[in-house]
Amino acid sequence: MSLVSPCAGVVLAGGLSSRMGKPKAALEWRGTPLVSGISGLLARTLDGPIVVVRAPGQELPTLPDGVEIAEDARAGRGPLEGLAAGLRAAGERADRAFVSSTDLPLLQASFVRRVAAALRDGVDAAVPRCGGNAHPLAAAYRLTVLPPIERLLDSDRLRLSSLLDEIAVRWLDSGWLLADPALAADDPHLDSLLNLNEPADIPTALAALASRRRCA
């Protein structure tokens, strides 16, 4: 099932992964590198181009057919630089993009669809905010946010929160997300937002996966 209007998928794979101790993009999750699994899920879910953004010169594992690769224009400048590279690569082939970090092993297609569909007229971004935490790297953005991103980068304001302060954001709480029957059935605890920052997070994600299977 694809969305009605073109929606790209952007996966940011260029982080330093300092707490994990190894590149998260290549980290094996159930036999598949994380970046390959996430980009494949987006390719099956969305109808626009799928772009993986890497750091300059970064090696990536094999990606699904058709997935494109873009590079940060400048190294070491964080996810805002990667977001700019991904949106530039999507170009005029989509009017919005679902943007994911590379470390969301339990991301569900129904979550992607729900968030992407939240971009209504007058809204520049749809960002989950659950349990008091915002999740700008499991969110949807209009491609029209590229100019403000570039202005922030030009002034060395590199925090994603700076972007969210300057654009029209629709905040998505857990109640709104789970009002979608498909998402409530697939991911009742919103484990799509669970990310792997350090080795201790891997057992937590595996336990959440086992719980999901028991409830299925």
Protein backbone atom coordinates (compact mmCIF):
# COMPACT_ATOMS: atom_id res chain seq x y z
CA MET A 1 0.00 0.00 0.00
CA SER A 2 1.47 3.38 -0.94
CA LEU A 3 0.55 6.87 0.11
CA VAL A 4 -1.55 9.03 -2.20
CA SER A 5 0.98 11.83 -2.74
CA PRO A 6 4.70 11.23 -3.33
CA CYS A 7 6.59 10.63 -0.11
CA ALA A 8 10.31 9.97 -0.06
CA GLY A 9 12.15 8.04 2.60
CA VAL A 10 15.39 9.35 4.07
CA VAL A 11 17.60 7.28 6.37
CA LEU A 12 20.40 9.07 8.19
CA ALA A 13 23.33 6.68 8.52
CA GLY A 14 26.27 9.00 9.06
CA GLY A 15 26.39 9.35 12.85
CA LEU A 16 29.54 8.66 14.86
CA SER A 17 27.92 5.83 16.89
CA SER A 18 30.33 6.63 19.73
CA ARG A 19 28.17 5.11 22.47
CA MET A 20 27.54 1.94 20.47
CA GLY A 21 31.24 1.50 19.81
CA LYS A 22 30.71 0.45 16.19
CA PRO A 23 28.88 1.92 13.18
CA LYS A 24 25.17 1.47 13.81
CA ALA A 25 24.32 1.43 10.11
CA ALA A 26 26.15 -1.89 9.72
CA LEU A 27 24.99 -3.34 13.04
CA GLU A 28 23.32 -6.70 12.47
CA TRP A 29 19.68 -6.94 13.54
CA ARG A 30 18.17 -10.38 13.06
CA GLY A 31 20.72 -11.15 10.36
CA THR A 32 20.39 -7.90 8.41
CA PRO A 33 22.34 -4.63 8.75
CA LEU A 34 20.13 -2.01 10.36
CA VAL A 35 20.38 0.45 7.49
CA SER A 36 19.46 -2.23 4.97
CA GLY A 37 16.40 -3.30 6.94
CA ILE A 38 15.10 0.21 7.50
CA SER A 39 15.67 1.39 3.93
CA GLY A 40 13.98 -1.79 2.67
CA LEU A 41 10.95 -1.20 4.88
CA LEU A 42 10.64 2.37 3.61
CA ALA A 43 10.96 1.19 0.02
CA ARG A 44 8.06 -1.22 0.55
CA THR A 45 5.94 1.42 2.27
CA LEU A 46 6.46 4.69 0.41
CA ASP A 47 6.05 5.68 -3.22
CA GLY A 48 8.89 8.16 -3.55
CA PRO A 49 12.67 7.73 -3.75
CA ILE A 50 14.50 6.15 -0.81
CA VAL A 51 17.77 7.84 0.09
CA VAL A 52 20.39 6.71 2.60
CA VAL A 53 22.63 9.57 3.71
CA ARG A 54 26.16 8.68 4.77
CA ALA A 55 29.16 10.63 5.98
CA PRO A 56 31.73 11.47 3.30
CA GLY A 57 33.61 8.29 2.42
CA GLN A 58 31.60 6.11 4.81
CA GLU A 59 31.26 2.50 3.74
CA LEU A 60 27.76 1.06 3.82
CA PRO A 61 26.53 -2.53 3.68
CA THR A 62 24.60 -3.73 0.66
CA LEU A 63 21.33 -1.84 0.31
CA PRO A 64 18.08 -3.01 -1.31
CA ASP A 65 17.75 -2.50 -5.05
CA GLY A 66 16.75 1.02 -5.99
CA VAL A 67 17.86 2.64 -2.74
CA GLU A 68 19.98 5.72 -3.46
CA ILE A 69 22.99 7.04 -1.55
CA ALA A 70 23.69 10.67 -0.73
CA GLU A 71 26.54 12.17 1.29
CA ASP A 72 26.70 14.93 3.85
CA ALA A 73 28.08 18.06 2.24
CA ARG A 74 30.32 18.55 5.27
CA ALA A 75 31.40 15.90 7.76
CA GLY A 76 30.71 15.94 11.48
CA ARG A 77 27.85 18.43 11.50
CA GLY A 78 25.13 16.16 12.80
CA PRO A 79 21.66 15.13 11.64
CA LEU A 80 20.65 18.55 10.31
CA GLU A 81 23.38 18.24 7.66
CA GLY A 82 22.14 14.76 6.83
CA LEU A 83 18.55 15.93 6.61
CA ALA A 84 19.58 18.60 4.12
CA ALA A 85 21.45 16.06 1.99
CA GLY A 86 18.52 13.65 1.97
CA LEU A 87 15.95 16.28 1.01
CA ARG A 88 18.22 17.61 -1.73
CA ALA A 89 18.60 14.11 -3.15
CA ALA A 90 14.82 13.59 -3.18
CA GLY A 91 14.61 16.77 -5.23
CA GLU A 92 11.38 17.31 -7.14
CA ARG A 93 10.35 13.65 -7.07
CA ALA A 94 8.40 13.97 -3.82
CA ASP A 95 6.68 16.68 -1.83
CA ARG A 96 7.48 15.24 1.61
CA ALA A 97 9.75 12.72 3.24
CA PHE A 98 9.64 10.36 6.18
CA VAL A 99 13.00 10.73 7.89
CA SER A 100 14.46 7.98 10.06
CA SER A 101 17.65 7.49 11.97
CA THR A 102 19.41 4.24 11.14
CA ASP A 103 18.87 2.74 14.59
CA LEU A 104 15.11 2.05 14.77
CA PRO A 105 15.02 -1.77 14.56
CA LEU A 106 11.31 -2.10 15.37
CA LEU A 107 10.03 0.54 12.95
CA GLN A 108 6.67 -0.49 11.48
CA ALA A 109 5.18 0.39 8.10
CA SER A 110 1.93 1.40 9.79
CA PHE A 111 3.86 3.90 11.93
CA VAL A 112 5.52 5.39 8.85
CA ARG A 113 2.17 5.75 7.09
CA ARG A 114 0.48 7.31 10.13
CA VAL A 115 3.19 9.91 10.62
CA ALA A 116 3.52 10.77 6.94
CA ALA A 117 -0.25 11.20 6.64
CA ALA A 118 -0.18 13.78 9.46
CA LEU A 119 1.34 16.43 7.19
CA ARG A 120 -1.71 18.58 6.53
CA ASP A 121 -1.99 21.98 4.88
CA GLY A 122 -0.09 24.62 6.78
CA VAL A 123 2.19 22.10 8.50
CA ASP A 124 5.89 21.76 7.68
CA ALA A 125 6.67 18.74 9.87
CA ALA A 126 4.85 16.02 11.77
CA VAL A 127 6.91 14.92 14.75
CA PRO A 128 6.02 12.30 17.37
CA ARG A 129 6.28 13.49 20.95
CA CYS A 130 5.65 10.65 23.36
CA GLY A 131 6.51 10.30 27.02
CA GLY A 132 7.86 13.84 27.04
CA ASN A 133 10.40 13.13 24.29
CA ALA A 134 10.36 14.52 20.76
CA HIS A 135 11.42 12.20 17.94
CA PRO A 136 12.53 14.38 14.99
CA LEU A 137 14.31 11.40 13.40
CA ALA A 138 11.14 9.34 13.16
CA ALA A 139 9.16 12.16 11.60
CA ALA A 140 7.84 13.57 8.34
CA TYR A 141 8.93 16.80 6.69
CA ARG A 142 7.84 18.76 3.66
CA LEU A 143 10.66 19.31 1.20
CA THR A 144 9.96 23.04 1.51
CA VAL A 145 11.86 22.99 4.84
CA LEU A 146 15.15 22.74 2.93
CA PRO A 147 15.72 26.55 2.67
CA PRO A 148 15.40 27.12 6.45
CA ILE A 149 17.67 24.13 7.06
CA GLU A 150 20.29 25.61 4.75
CA ARG A 151 20.05 28.98 6.52
CA LEU A 152 20.63 27.28 9.85
CA LEU A 153 23.60 25.35 8.50
CA ASP A 154 25.09 28.52 7.00
CA SER A 155 24.95 30.14 10.45
CA ASP A 156 26.33 27.03 12.21
CA ARG A 157 23.11 26.45 14.11
CA LEU A 158 23.23 22.67 13.89
CA ARG A 159 20.58 21.47 16.34
CA LEU A 160 17.41 19.89 14.98
CA SER A 161 15.52 21.75 17.68
CA SER A 162 16.53 25.01 16.02
CA LEU A 163 14.74 23.89 12.87
CA LEU A 164 11.63 22.86 14.79
CA ASP A 165 11.54 26.29 16.41
CA GLU A 166 11.39 27.95 12.98
CA ILE A 167 8.84 25.87 11.12
CA ALA A 168 5.21 24.85 11.66
CA VAL A 169 5.27 21.56 13.53
CA ARG A 170 2.39 19.23 14.21
CA TRP A 171 3.23 17.31 17.37
CA LEU A 172 1.89 13.77 17.43
CA ASP A 173 1.18 12.26 20.84
CA SER A 174 0.75 8.57 21.56
CA GLY A 175 -3.03 8.85 21.75
CA TRP A 176 -3.26 10.31 18.26
CA LEU A 177 -0.81 7.81 16.83
CA LEU A 178 -2.59 4.80 18.34
CA ALA A 179 -6.01 6.01 17.21
CA ASP A 180 -5.04 4.39 13.93
CA PRO A 181 -6.30 0.78 14.14
CA ALA A 182 -3.49 -0.62 11.99
CA LEU A 183 -0.78 0.97 14.11
CA ALA A 184 -2.50 0.00 17.35
CA ALA A 185 -2.56 -3.61 16.20
CA ASP A 186 1.01 -3.67 14.86
CA ASP A 187 2.75 -1.61 17.52
CA PRO A 188 0.61 -1.00 20.63
CA HIS A 189 3.60 0.18 22.68
CA LEU A 190 5.06 2.36 19.90
CA ASP A 191 8.28 0.38 19.85
CA SER A 192 8.85 1.93 16.42
CA LEU A 193 10.43 4.77 18.42
CA LEU A 194 12.85 2.54 20.31
CA ASN A 195 16.39 3.28 19.16
CA LEU A 196 19.72 1.60 19.74
CA ASN A 197 22.17 4.08 21.24
CA GLU A 198 24.43 1.67 23.15
CA PRO A 199 24.93 -2.10 23.48
CA ALA A 200 22.61 -2.28 26.50
CA ASP A 201 19.71 -1.19 24.28
CA ILE A 202 19.90 -4.33 22.14
CA PRO A 203 18.46 -6.73 24.78
CA THR A 204 15.68 -4.21 25.43
CA ALA A 205 14.79 -4.18 21.74
CA LEU A 206 14.88 -7.98 21.55
CA ALA A 207 12.56 -8.22 24.56
CA ALA A 208 10.16 -5.76 22.94
CA LEU A 209 10.23 -7.82 19.74
CA ALA A 210 9.47 -11.03 21.68
CA SER A 211 6.59 -9.31 23.48
CA ARG A 212 5.16 -8.09 20.19
CA ARG A 213 5.24 -11.62 18.80
CA ARG A 214 3.46 -13.01 21.85
CA CYS A 215 0.71 -10.44 21.44
CA ALA A 216 0.32 -11.05 17.70
